[in-house]
Amino acid sequence: MREVDFNLKGKRSYVTLLGAAVILLLISLPLRSFKADSSYRAAIIIVDDAETERLDMLVISEETLNKYTSAIALVEKARHCSPLNAKYSSHEARLYSMFGVWAETMLSLGEPLPEGALEPSVAFARAEESFLKTVSLQPTNADYHMAFADLYGTMKNSEGMDKELRRTIAAYPVNAPLRHLVAMRYLLNDMKGNALEHARVLADIGRGYFPYIIKEGDDALRFSKADIDRFYKSYLFVALEIAWRVSEDKDVVRSIAPDNIYAEEVVELFFDWRGVGDEF
């Protein structure tokens, strides 16, 4: 009987300790979340430009360097308190990326970096590390992948940029505004083949140029001012511009347009706008 009582008491003690540990954990989680958010907010405020009404970040300079260093320390504290919140590692990556761009610019102008400032390579490496954490936490967040691609673009890492842009578009493959942004990133980084690839898809999915009322017969090609306005503002028109900037070849531009009478009209309007229509 005594052995049974001892075992029961031992089990009760274990259950009591386990229950206490669970309660402490449940109490600590909201507290850690609160501390993380407080540090994150402080990190934003410390580099806010007080002279503007919006949350505009101060320009990095020798005078504001300490504020940015403090902001990074605060957001790192937030990330440690709440390591599964991608918002904190994303902001950390953004700060390090800004640091890297500033330091790189200073050195390119022949100016020495102030004491305590990170070398560009160090800042970019830390930004990359923070973005890797961010996208591992939210692998389908297009905004995070786009920001990561921008970092790789700044670092002249075309392979990394391409990988992140493809992950960006994989999140929303038929989203025309996002496809446009991706195509432009490729174009601005002189990756023309990739830009044309995405311009072709953009031309296919950006169907905003279609008239609200589809006419038939002779009326089909009688377009109102509103129709023509819509043609100029369409993603097809944007896709044609990307194709033109890639190739400056009318046949290439025509090749990405869908096969319908409205797309044909957009193409002709584009050539006229570019000054390369048949009459020129």
C-alpha atoms as a PDB file:
ATOM      1  CA  MET A   1       0.000   0.000   0.000  1.00  0.00           C
ATOM      2  CA  ARG A   2       2.803   2.401   0.884  1.00  0.00           C
ATOM      3  CA  GLU A   3       4.449   1.780  -2.499  1.00  0.00           C
ATOM      4  CA  VAL A   4       1.138   2.514  -4.245  1.00  0.00           C
ATOM      5  CA  ASP A   5       0.668   5.727  -2.210  1.00  0.00           C
ATOM      6  CA  PHE A   6       4.202   6.818  -3.084  1.00  0.00           C
ATOM      7  CA  ASN A   7       3.593   6.248  -6.777  1.00  0.00           C
ATOM      8  CA  LEU A   8       0.297   8.154  -6.652  1.00  0.00           C
ATOM      9  CA  LYS A   9       1.924  11.076  -4.858  1.00  0.00           C
ATOM     10  CA  GLY A  10       4.740  11.108  -7.412  1.00  0.00           C
ATOM     11  CA  LYS A  11       2.287  11.151 -10.296  1.00  0.00           C
ATOM     12  CA  ARG A  12       0.252  13.937  -8.661  1.00  0.00           C
ATOM     13  CA  SER A  13       3.428  16.027  -8.185  1.00  0.00           C
ATOM     14  CA  TYR A  14       4.402  15.500 -11.813  1.00  0.00           C
ATOM     15  CA  VAL A  15       0.925  16.475 -13.043  1.00  0.00           C
ATOM     16  CA  THR A  16       0.955  19.561 -10.788  1.00  0.00           C
ATOM     17  CA  LEU A  17       4.357  20.674 -12.091  1.00  0.00           C
ATOM     18  CA  LEU A  18       3.304  20.050 -15.684  1.00  0.00           C
ATOM     19  CA  GLY A  19       0.111  22.039 -15.178  1.00  0.00           C
ATOM     20  CA  ALA A  20       2.051  24.911 -13.628  1.00  0.00           C
ATOM     21  CA  ALA A  21       4.472  24.906 -16.563  1.00  0.00           C
ATOM     22  CA  VAL A  22       1.611  25.021 -19.079  1.00  0.00           C
ATOM     23  CA  ILE A  23      -0.042  27.897 -17.204  1.00  0.00           C
ATOM     24  CA  LEU A  24       3.236  29.849 -17.128  1.00  0.00           C
ATOM     25  CA  LEU A  25       3.687  29.232 -20.839  1.00  0.00           C
ATOM     26  CA  LEU A  26       0.164  30.457 -21.630  1.00  0.00           C
ATOM     27  CA  ILE A  27       0.733  33.557 -19.519  1.00  0.00           C
ATOM     28  CA  SER A  28       4.129  34.284 -21.088  1.00  0.00           C
ATOM     29  CA  LEU A  29       2.981  34.036 -24.735  1.00  0.00           C
ATOM     30  CA  PRO A  30       0.802  37.200 -24.725  1.00  0.00           C
ATOM     31  CA  LEU A  31       3.499  38.986 -22.723  1.00  0.00           C
ATOM     32  CA  ARG A  32       6.216  38.072 -25.239  1.00  0.00           C
ATOM     33  CA  SER A  33       3.937  39.111 -28.087  1.00  0.00           C
ATOM     34  CA  PHE A  34       3.294  42.459 -26.377  1.00  0.00           C
ATOM     35  CA  LYS A  35       7.034  43.031 -25.819  1.00  0.00           C
ATOM     36  CA  ALA A  36       7.771  42.138 -29.453  1.00  0.00           C
ATOM     37  CA  ASP A  37       5.162  44.535 -30.801  1.00  0.00           C
ATOM     38  CA  SER A  38       6.331  47.333 -28.477  1.00  0.00           C
ATOM     39  CA  SER A  39       9.912  46.943 -29.689  1.00  0.00           C
ATOM     40  CA  TYR A  40       8.768  46.832 -33.312  1.00  0.00           C
ATOM     41  CA  ARG A  41       6.736  50.037 -32.927  1.00  0.00           C
ATOM     42  CA  ALA A  42       9.661  51.741 -31.206  1.00  0.00           C
ATOM     43  CA  ALA A  43      11.937  50.696 -34.088  1.00  0.00           C
ATOM     44  CA  ILE A  44       9.587  52.376 -36.568  1.00  0.00           C
ATOM     45  CA  ILE A  45       9.152  55.558 -34.533  1.00  0.00           C
ATOM     46  CA  ILE A  46      12.867  56.075 -33.837  1.00  0.00           C
ATOM     47  CA  VAL A  47      13.673  56.520 -37.552  1.00  0.00           C
ATOM     48  CA  ASP A  48      10.468  58.367 -38.438  1.00  0.00           C
ATOM     49  CA  ASP A  49      10.912  61.810 -39.984  1.00  0.00           C
ATOM     50  CA  ALA A  50       9.059  64.016 -37.494  1.00  0.00           C
ATOM     51  CA  GLU A  51       8.812  66.845 -40.044  1.00  0.00           C
ATOM     52  CA  THR A  52       6.303  64.907 -42.145  1.00  0.00           C
ATOM     53  CA  GLU A  53       2.799  63.832 -41.208  1.00  0.00           C
ATOM     54  CA  ARG A  54       3.278  60.322 -42.546  1.00  0.00           C
ATOM     55  CA  LEU A  55       5.601  57.590 -41.293  1.00  0.00           C
ATOM     56  CA  ASP A  56       8.469  58.551 -43.585  1.00  0.00           C
ATOM     57  CA  MET A  57      11.877  57.169 -42.676  1.00  0.00           C
ATOM     58  CA  LEU A  58      14.796  59.508 -42.078  1.00  0.00           C
ATOM     59  CA  VAL A  59      17.541  59.605 -44.678  1.00  0.00           C
ATOM     60  CA  ILE A  60      20.536  57.621 -43.440  1.00  0.00           C
ATOM     61  CA  SER A  61      23.459  59.920 -42.718  1.00  0.00           C
ATOM     62  CA  GLU A  62      26.241  60.304 -40.194  1.00  0.00           C
ATOM     63  CA  GLU A  63      23.777  62.227 -38.014  1.00  0.00           C
ATOM     64  CA  THR A  64      21.019  59.589 -38.130  1.00  0.00           C
ATOM     65  CA  LEU A  65      23.287  56.528 -38.086  1.00  0.00           C
ATOM     66  CA  ASN A  66      22.825  55.942 -34.346  1.00  0.00           C
ATOM     67  CA  LYS A  67      19.040  55.998 -34.741  1.00  0.00           C
ATOM     68  CA  TYR A  68      19.178  53.308 -37.415  1.00  0.00           C
ATOM     69  CA  THR A  69      21.532  51.213 -35.296  1.00  0.00           C
ATOM     70  CA  SER A  70      19.064  51.491 -32.407  1.00  0.00           C
ATOM     71  CA  ALA A  71      16.155  50.628 -34.710  1.00  0.00           C
ATOM     72  CA  ILE A  72      17.910  47.447 -35.842  1.00  0.00           C
ATOM     73  CA  ALA A  73      18.592  46.467 -32.221  1.00  0.00           C
ATOM     74  CA  LEU A  74      14.910  47.008 -31.357  1.00  0.00           C
ATOM     75  CA  VAL A  75      13.567  44.991 -34.272  1.00  0.00           C
ATOM     76  CA  GLU A  76      16.045  42.184 -33.491  1.00  0.00           C
ATOM     77  CA  LYS A  77      14.661  42.171 -29.949  1.00  0.00           C
ATOM     78  CA  ALA A  78      11.130  41.917 -31.397  1.00  0.00           C
ATOM     79  CA  ARG A  79      12.186  38.990 -33.576  1.00  0.00           C
ATOM     80  CA  HIS A  80      13.732  37.141 -30.639  1.00  0.00           C
ATOM     81  CA  CYS A  81      10.560  37.648 -28.587  1.00  0.00           C
ATOM     82  CA  SER A  82       8.346  36.416 -31.400  1.00  0.00           C
ATOM     83  CA  PRO A  83      10.475  34.383 -33.843  1.00  0.00           C
ATOM     84  CA  LEU A  84       7.502  33.073 -35.837  1.00  0.00           C
ATOM     85  CA  ASN A  85       6.238  36.541 -36.826  1.00  0.00           C
ATOM     86  CA  ALA A  86       7.540  37.254 -40.336  1.00  0.00           C
ATOM     87  CA  LYS A  87       6.767  40.965 -39.993  1.00  0.00           C
ATOM     88  CA  TYR A  88       9.744  41.461 -37.673  1.00  0.00           C
ATOM     89  CA  SER A  89      12.367  39.648 -39.736  1.00  0.00           C
ATOM     90  CA  SER A  90      11.050  41.407 -42.845  1.00  0.00           C
ATOM     91  CA  HIS A  91      11.517  44.836 -41.277  1.00  0.00           C
ATOM     92  CA  GLU A  92      14.953  43.800 -40.046  1.00  0.00           C
ATOM     93  CA  ALA A  93      15.870  42.838 -43.617  1.00  0.00           C
ATOM     94  CA  ARG A  94      14.604  46.170 -44.909  1.00  0.00           C
ATOM     95  CA  LEU A  95      16.742  48.142 -42.441  1.00  0.00           C
ATOM     96  CA  TYR A  96      19.868  46.153 -43.246  1.00  0.00           C
ATOM     97  CA  SER A  97      19.183  46.548 -46.975  1.00  0.00           C
ATOM     98  CA  MET A  98      18.870  50.327 -46.597  1.00  0.00           C
ATOM     99  CA  PHE A  99      22.098  50.339 -44.609  1.00  0.00           C
ATOM    100  CA  GLY A 100      23.844  48.439 -47.386  1.00  0.00           C
ATOM    101  CA  VAL A 101      22.653  50.786 -50.130  1.00  0.00           C
ATOM    102  CA  TRP A 102      23.720  53.832 -48.140  1.00  0.00           C
ATOM    103  CA  ALA A 103      27.165  52.397 -47.306  1.00  0.00           C
ATOM    104  CA  GLU A 104      27.704  51.347 -50.920  1.00  0.00           C
ATOM    105  CA  THR A 105      26.784  54.834 -52.129  1.00  0.00           C
ATOM    106  CA  MET A 106      29.157  56.461 -49.627  1.00  0.00           C
ATOM    107  CA  LEU A 107      32.071  54.305 -50.748  1.00  0.00           C
ATOM    108  CA  SER A 108      31.306  54.868 -54.439  1.00  0.00           C
ATOM    109  CA  LEU A 109      31.593  58.621 -53.797  1.00  0.00           C
ATOM    110  CA  GLY A 110      34.967  58.099 -52.157  1.00  0.00           C
ATOM    111  CA  GLU A 111      33.651  58.930 -48.698  1.00  0.00           C
ATOM    112  CA  PRO A 112      34.818  56.896 -45.688  1.00  0.00           C
ATOM    113  CA  LEU A 113      32.195  55.153 -43.614  1.00  0.00           C
ATOM    114  CA  PRO A 114      31.629  56.572 -40.115  1.00  0.00           C
ATOM    115  CA  GLU A 115      32.856  54.556 -37.174  1.00  0.00           C
ATOM    116  CA  GLY A 116      30.450  51.757 -36.343  1.00  0.00           C
ATOM    117  CA  ALA A 117      28.846  51.664 -39.799  1.00  0.00           C
ATOM    118  CA  LEU A 118      28.483  48.255 -41.445  1.00  0.00           C
ATOM    119  CA  GLU A 119      30.333  47.466 -44.648  1.00  0.00           C
ATOM    120  CA  PRO A 120      27.920  47.026 -47.591  1.00  0.00           C
ATOM    121  CA  SER A 121      28.710  43.309 -47.924  1.00  0.00           C
ATOM    122  CA  VAL A 122      27.974  42.727 -44.236  1.00  0.00           C
ATOM    123  CA  ALA A 123      24.718  44.700 -44.323  1.00  0.00           C
ATOM    124  CA  PHE A 124      23.520  42.888 -47.457  1.00  0.00           C
ATOM    125  CA  ALA A 125      24.474  39.480 -46.030  1.00  0.00           C
ATOM    126  CA  ARG A 126      22.435  40.199 -42.896  1.00  0.00           C
ATOM    127  CA  ALA A 127      19.510  41.440 -44.994  1.00  0.00           C
ATOM    128  CA  GLU A 128      19.637  38.215 -47.011  1.00  0.00           C
ATOM    129  CA  GLU A 129      19.684  36.138 -43.828  1.00  0.00           C
ATOM    130  CA  SER A 130      16.655  38.021 -42.475  1.00  0.00           C
ATOM    131  CA  PHE A 131      14.740  37.591 -45.738  1.00  0.00           C
ATOM    132  CA  LEU A 132      15.494  33.868 -45.755  1.00  0.00           C
ATOM    133  CA  LYS A 133      13.838  33.649 -42.329  1.00  0.00           C
ATOM    134  CA  THR A 134      10.926  35.757 -43.554  1.00  0.00           C
ATOM    135  CA  VAL A 135      10.083  33.700 -46.633  1.00  0.00           C
ATOM    136  CA  SER A 136      10.535  30.451 -44.704  1.00  0.00           C
ATOM    137  CA  LEU A 137       7.811  31.651 -42.324  1.00  0.00           C
ATOM    138  CA  GLN A 138       5.489  32.854 -45.114  1.00  0.00           C
ATOM    139  CA  PRO A 139       6.514  31.045 -48.316  1.00  0.00           C
ATOM    140  CA  THR A 140       3.462  32.204 -50.305  1.00  0.00           C
ATOM    141  CA  ASN A 141       3.644  35.911 -49.428  1.00  0.00           C
ATOM    142  CA  ALA A 142       4.268  37.666 -52.743  1.00  0.00           C
ATOM    143  CA  ASP A 143       5.286  40.971 -51.113  1.00  0.00           C
ATOM    144  CA  TYR A 144       8.085  39.319 -49.143  1.00  0.00           C
ATOM    145  CA  HIS A 145       9.415  37.474 -52.185  1.00  0.00           C
ATOM    146  CA  MET A 146       9.292  40.698 -54.230  1.00  0.00           C
ATOM    147  CA  ALA A 147      11.234  42.600 -51.557  1.00  0.00           C
ATOM    148  CA  PHE A 148      13.752  39.753 -51.404  1.00  0.00           C
ATOM    149  CA  ALA A 149      14.110  39.896 -55.200  1.00  0.00           C
ATOM    150  CA  ASP A 150      14.764  43.642 -54.958  1.00  0.00           C
ATOM    151  CA  LEU A 151      17.574  42.965 -52.481  1.00  0.00           C
ATOM    152  CA  TYR A 152      19.142  40.463 -54.862  1.00  0.00           C
ATOM    153  CA  GLY A 153      18.776  43.024 -57.660  1.00  0.00           C
ATOM    154  CA  THR A 154      20.677  45.551 -55.556  1.00  0.00           C
ATOM    155  CA  MET A 155      23.339  42.914 -54.868  1.00  0.00           C
ATOM    156  CA  LYS A 156      23.596  42.165 -58.626  1.00  0.00           C
ATOM    157  CA  ASN A 157      22.663  38.557 -57.896  1.00  0.00           C
ATOM    158  CA  SER A 158      20.587  37.755 -60.987  1.00  0.00           C
ATOM    159  CA  GLU A 159      20.152  34.076 -60.082  1.00  0.00           C
ATOM    160  CA  GLY A 160      18.743  34.892 -56.639  1.00  0.00           C
ATOM    161  CA  MET A 161      16.556  37.634 -58.067  1.00  0.00           C
ATOM    162  CA  ASP A 162      15.119  35.333 -60.727  1.00  0.00           C
ATOM    163  CA  LYS A 163      14.356  32.657 -58.117  1.00  0.00           C
ATOM    164  CA  GLU A 164      12.501  35.113 -55.862  1.00  0.00           C
ATOM    165  CA  LEU A 165      10.578  36.741 -58.717  1.00  0.00           C
ATOM    166  CA  ARG A 166       9.400  33.311 -59.869  1.00  0.00           C
ATOM    167  CA  ARG A 167       8.253  32.578 -56.325  1.00  0.00           C
ATOM    168  CA  THR A 168       6.524  35.969 -56.290  1.00  0.00           C
ATOM    169  CA  ILE A 169       4.467  35.194 -59.374  1.00  0.00           C
ATOM    170  CA  ALA A 170       3.810  31.604 -58.238  1.00  0.00           C
ATOM    171  CA  ALA A 171       1.742  33.043 -55.381  1.00  0.00           C
ATOM    172  CA  TYR A 172      -0.708  34.728 -57.812  1.00  0.00           C
ATOM    173  CA  PRO A 173       0.010  33.531 -61.359  1.00  0.00           C
ATOM    174  CA  VAL A 174      -2.982  35.238 -63.006  1.00  0.00           C
ATOM    175  CA  ASN A 175      -2.681  38.569 -61.208  1.00  0.00           C
ATOM    176  CA  ALA A 176      -1.978  41.165 -63.924  1.00  0.00           C
ATOM    177  CA  PRO A 177      -0.656  43.993 -61.658  1.00  0.00           C
ATOM    178  CA  LEU A 178       1.790  41.591 -60.009  1.00  0.00           C
ATOM    179  CA  ARG A 179       2.864  40.142 -63.367  1.00  0.00           C
ATOM    180  CA  HIS A 180       3.512  43.709 -64.571  1.00  0.00           C
ATOM    181  CA  LEU A 181       5.732  44.448 -61.550  1.00  0.00           C
ATOM    182  CA  VAL A 182       7.690  41.243 -62.086  1.00  0.00           C
ATOM    183  CA  ALA A 183       8.181  41.928 -65.813  1.00  0.00           C
ATOM    184  CA  MET A 184       9.415  45.452 -65.041  1.00  0.00           C
ATOM    185  CA  ARG A 185      11.880  44.153 -62.439  1.00  0.00           C
ATOM    186  CA  TYR A 186      13.393  41.906 -65.095  1.00  0.00           C
ATOM    187  CA  LEU A 187      13.472  44.716 -67.652  1.00  0.00           C
ATOM    188  CA  LEU A 188      15.123  47.221 -65.300  1.00  0.00           C
ATOM    189  CA  ASN A 189      17.776  44.636 -64.409  1.00  0.00           C
ATOM    190  CA  ASP A 190      18.514  43.973 -68.088  1.00  0.00           C
ATOM    191  CA  MET A 191      17.118  40.432 -68.003  1.00  0.00           C
ATOM    192  CA  LYS A 192      15.308  40.962 -71.286  1.00  0.00           C
ATOM    193  CA  GLY A 193      14.397  37.364 -72.079  1.00  0.00           C
ATOM    194  CA  ASN A 194      12.628  37.018 -68.731  1.00  0.00           C
ATOM    195  CA  ALA A 195      10.923  40.394 -69.188  1.00  0.00           C
ATOM    196  CA  LEU A 196       9.542  39.331 -72.576  1.00  0.00           C
ATOM    197  CA  GLU A 197       8.391  35.983 -71.143  1.00  0.00           C
ATOM    198  CA  HIS A 198       6.297  37.740 -68.512  1.00  0.00           C
ATOM    199  CA  ALA A 199       5.103  40.435 -70.915  1.00  0.00           C
ATOM    200  CA  ARG A 200       3.697  37.661 -73.104  1.00  0.00           C
ATOM    201  CA  VAL A 201       1.762  36.198 -70.153  1.00  0.00           C
ATOM    202  CA  LEU A 202       0.637  39.701 -69.091  1.00  0.00           C
ATOM    203  CA  ALA A 203      -0.742  40.332 -72.579  1.00  0.00           C
ATOM    204  CA  ASP A 204      -2.754  37.136 -72.315  1.00  0.00           C
ATOM    205  CA  ILE A 205      -4.206  37.621 -68.815  1.00  0.00           C
ATOM    206  CA  GLY A 206      -4.712  41.412 -68.902  1.00  0.00           C
ATOM    207  CA  ARG A 207      -8.133  41.395 -70.565  1.00  0.00           C
ATOM    208  CA  GLY A 208      -9.215  44.862 -69.352  1.00  0.00           C
ATOM    209  CA  TYR A 209      -9.101  46.190 -72.917  1.00  0.00           C
ATOM    210  CA  PHE A 210     -12.255  44.293 -73.925  1.00  0.00           C
ATOM    211  CA  PRO A 211     -15.261  46.620 -74.454  1.00  0.00           C
ATOM    212  CA  TYR A 212     -17.974  46.434 -71.807  1.00  0.00           C
ATOM    213  CA  ILE A 213     -20.480  45.596 -74.548  1.00  0.00           C
ATOM    214  CA  ILE A 214     -19.292  43.223 -77.263  1.00  0.00           C
ATOM    215  CA  LYS A 215     -20.666  44.378 -80.614  1.00  0.00           C
ATOM    216  CA  GLU A 216     -21.120  42.307 -83.744  1.00  0.00           C
ATOM    217  CA  GLY A 217     -20.889  42.855 -87.487  1.00  0.00           C
ATOM    218  CA  ASP A 218     -19.889  46.294 -88.788  1.00  0.00           C
ATOM    219  CA  ASP A 219     -20.273  47.807 -85.317  1.00  0.00           C
ATOM    220  CA  ALA A 220     -17.557  45.580 -83.870  1.00  0.00           C
ATOM    221  CA  LEU A 221     -14.773  47.979 -84.895  1.00  0.00           C
ATOM    222  CA  ARG A 222     -16.592  51.199 -84.028  1.00  0.00           C
ATOM    223  CA  PHE A 223     -14.943  52.119 -80.766  1.00  0.00           C
ATOM    224  CA  SER A 224     -16.123  54.846 -78.463  1.00  0.00           C
ATOM    225  CA  LYS A 225     -13.806  57.286 -76.696  1.00  0.00           C
ATOM    226  CA  ALA A 226     -14.268  55.203 -73.535  1.00  0.00           C
ATOM    227  CA  ASP A 227     -13.186  52.080 -75.435  1.00  0.00           C
ATOM    228  CA  ILE A 228     -10.033  53.769 -76.746  1.00  0.00           C
ATOM    229  CA  ASP A 229      -9.316  55.147 -73.288  1.00  0.00           C
ATOM    230  CA  ARG A 230      -9.519  51.608 -71.922  1.00  0.00           C
ATOM    231  CA  PHE A 231      -7.157  50.370 -74.657  1.00  0.00           C
ATOM    232  CA  TYR A 232      -4.490  52.889 -73.641  1.00  0.00           C
ATOM    233  CA  LYS A 233      -4.831  52.062 -69.937  1.00  0.00           C
ATOM    234  CA  SER A 234      -4.874  48.288 -70.377  1.00  0.00           C
ATOM    235  CA  TYR A 235      -2.229  45.828 -69.228  1.00  0.00           C
ATOM    236  CA  LEU A 236      -2.004  44.675 -72.833  1.00  0.00           C
ATOM    237  CA  PHE A 237      -0.742  48.147 -73.759  1.00  0.00           C
ATOM    238  CA  VAL A 238       1.791  47.935 -70.918  1.00  0.00           C
ATOM    239  CA  ALA A 239       2.899  44.484 -72.092  1.00  0.00           C
ATOM    240  CA  LEU A 240       3.437  45.827 -75.612  1.00  0.00           C
ATOM    241  CA  GLU A 241       5.607  48.617 -74.219  1.00  0.00           C
ATOM    242  CA  ILE A 242       7.763  46.077 -72.361  1.00  0.00           C
ATOM    243  CA  ALA A 243       8.104  43.985 -75.526  1.00  0.00           C
ATOM    244  CA  TRP A 244       9.098  47.098 -77.478  1.00  0.00           C
ATOM    245  CA  ARG A 245      11.721  48.131 -74.915  1.00  0.00           C
ATOM    246  CA  VAL A 246      13.131  44.609 -75.042  1.00  0.00           C
ATOM    247  CA  SER A 247      13.291  44.287 -78.818  1.00  0.00           C
ATOM    248  CA  GLU A 248      12.310  47.480 -80.699  1.00  0.00           C
ATOM    249  CA  ASP A 249      10.874  45.023 -83.204  1.00  0.00           C
ATOM    250  CA  LYS A 250       7.270  45.383 -84.389  1.00  0.00           C
ATOM    251  CA  ASP A 251       6.986  41.683 -85.201  1.00  0.00           C
ATOM    252  CA  VAL A 252       8.042  40.736 -81.671  1.00  0.00           C
ATOM    253  CA  VAL A 253       5.494  43.180 -80.245  1.00  0.00           C
ATOM    254  CA  ARG A 254       2.732  41.765 -82.460  1.00  0.00           C
ATOM    255  CA  SER A 255       3.693  38.205 -81.494  1.00  0.00           C
ATOM    256  CA  ILE A 256       2.755  38.671 -77.822  1.00  0.00           C
ATOM    257  CA  ALA A 257      -0.722  40.091 -78.526  1.00  0.00           C
ATOM    258  CA  PRO A 258      -3.749  37.756 -78.256  1.00  0.00           C
ATOM    259  CA  ASP A 259      -5.555  36.856 -81.453  1.00  0.00           C
ATOM    260  CA  ASN A 260      -8.701  39.004 -81.381  1.00  0.00           C
ATOM    261  CA  ILE A 261      -9.886  42.201 -83.055  1.00  0.00           C
ATOM    262  CA  TYR A 262      -9.638  44.272 -79.866  1.00  0.00           C
ATOM    263  CA  ALA A 263      -6.033  43.289 -79.234  1.00  0.00           C
ATOM    264  CA  GLU A 264      -5.245  44.151 -82.856  1.00  0.00           C
ATOM    265  CA  GLU A 265      -6.645  47.632 -82.272  1.00  0.00           C
ATOM    266  CA  VAL A 266      -4.542  48.049 -79.127  1.00  0.00           C
ATOM    267  CA  VAL A 267      -1.433  47.034 -81.099  1.00  0.00           C
ATOM    268  CA  GLU A 268      -2.126  49.627 -83.813  1.00  0.00           C
ATOM    269  CA  LEU A 269      -2.791  52.315 -81.200  1.00  0.00           C
ATOM    270  CA  PHE A 270       0.465  51.392 -79.505  1.00  0.00           C
ATOM    271  CA  PHE A 271       2.458  51.688 -82.737  1.00  0.00           C
ATOM    272  CA  ASP A 272       0.881  55.084 -83.450  1.00  0.00           C
ATOM    273  CA  TRP A 273       1.684  56.212 -79.910  1.00  0.00           C
ATOM    274  CA  ARG A 274       5.257  55.036 -80.364  1.00  0.00           C
ATOM    275  CA  GLY A 275       5.503  56.799 -83.700  1.00  0.00           C
ATOM    276  CA  VAL A 276       6.147  53.627 -85.638  1.00  0.00           C
ATOM    277  CA  GLY A 277       2.717  53.111 -87.209  1.00  0.00           C
ATOM    278  CA  ASP A 278       2.318  52.202 -90.890  1.00  0.00           C
ATOM    279  CA  GLU A 279       2.050  55.837 -91.916  1.00  0.00           C
ATOM    280  CA  PHE A 280       5.477  56.682 -90.441  1.00  0.00           C
END
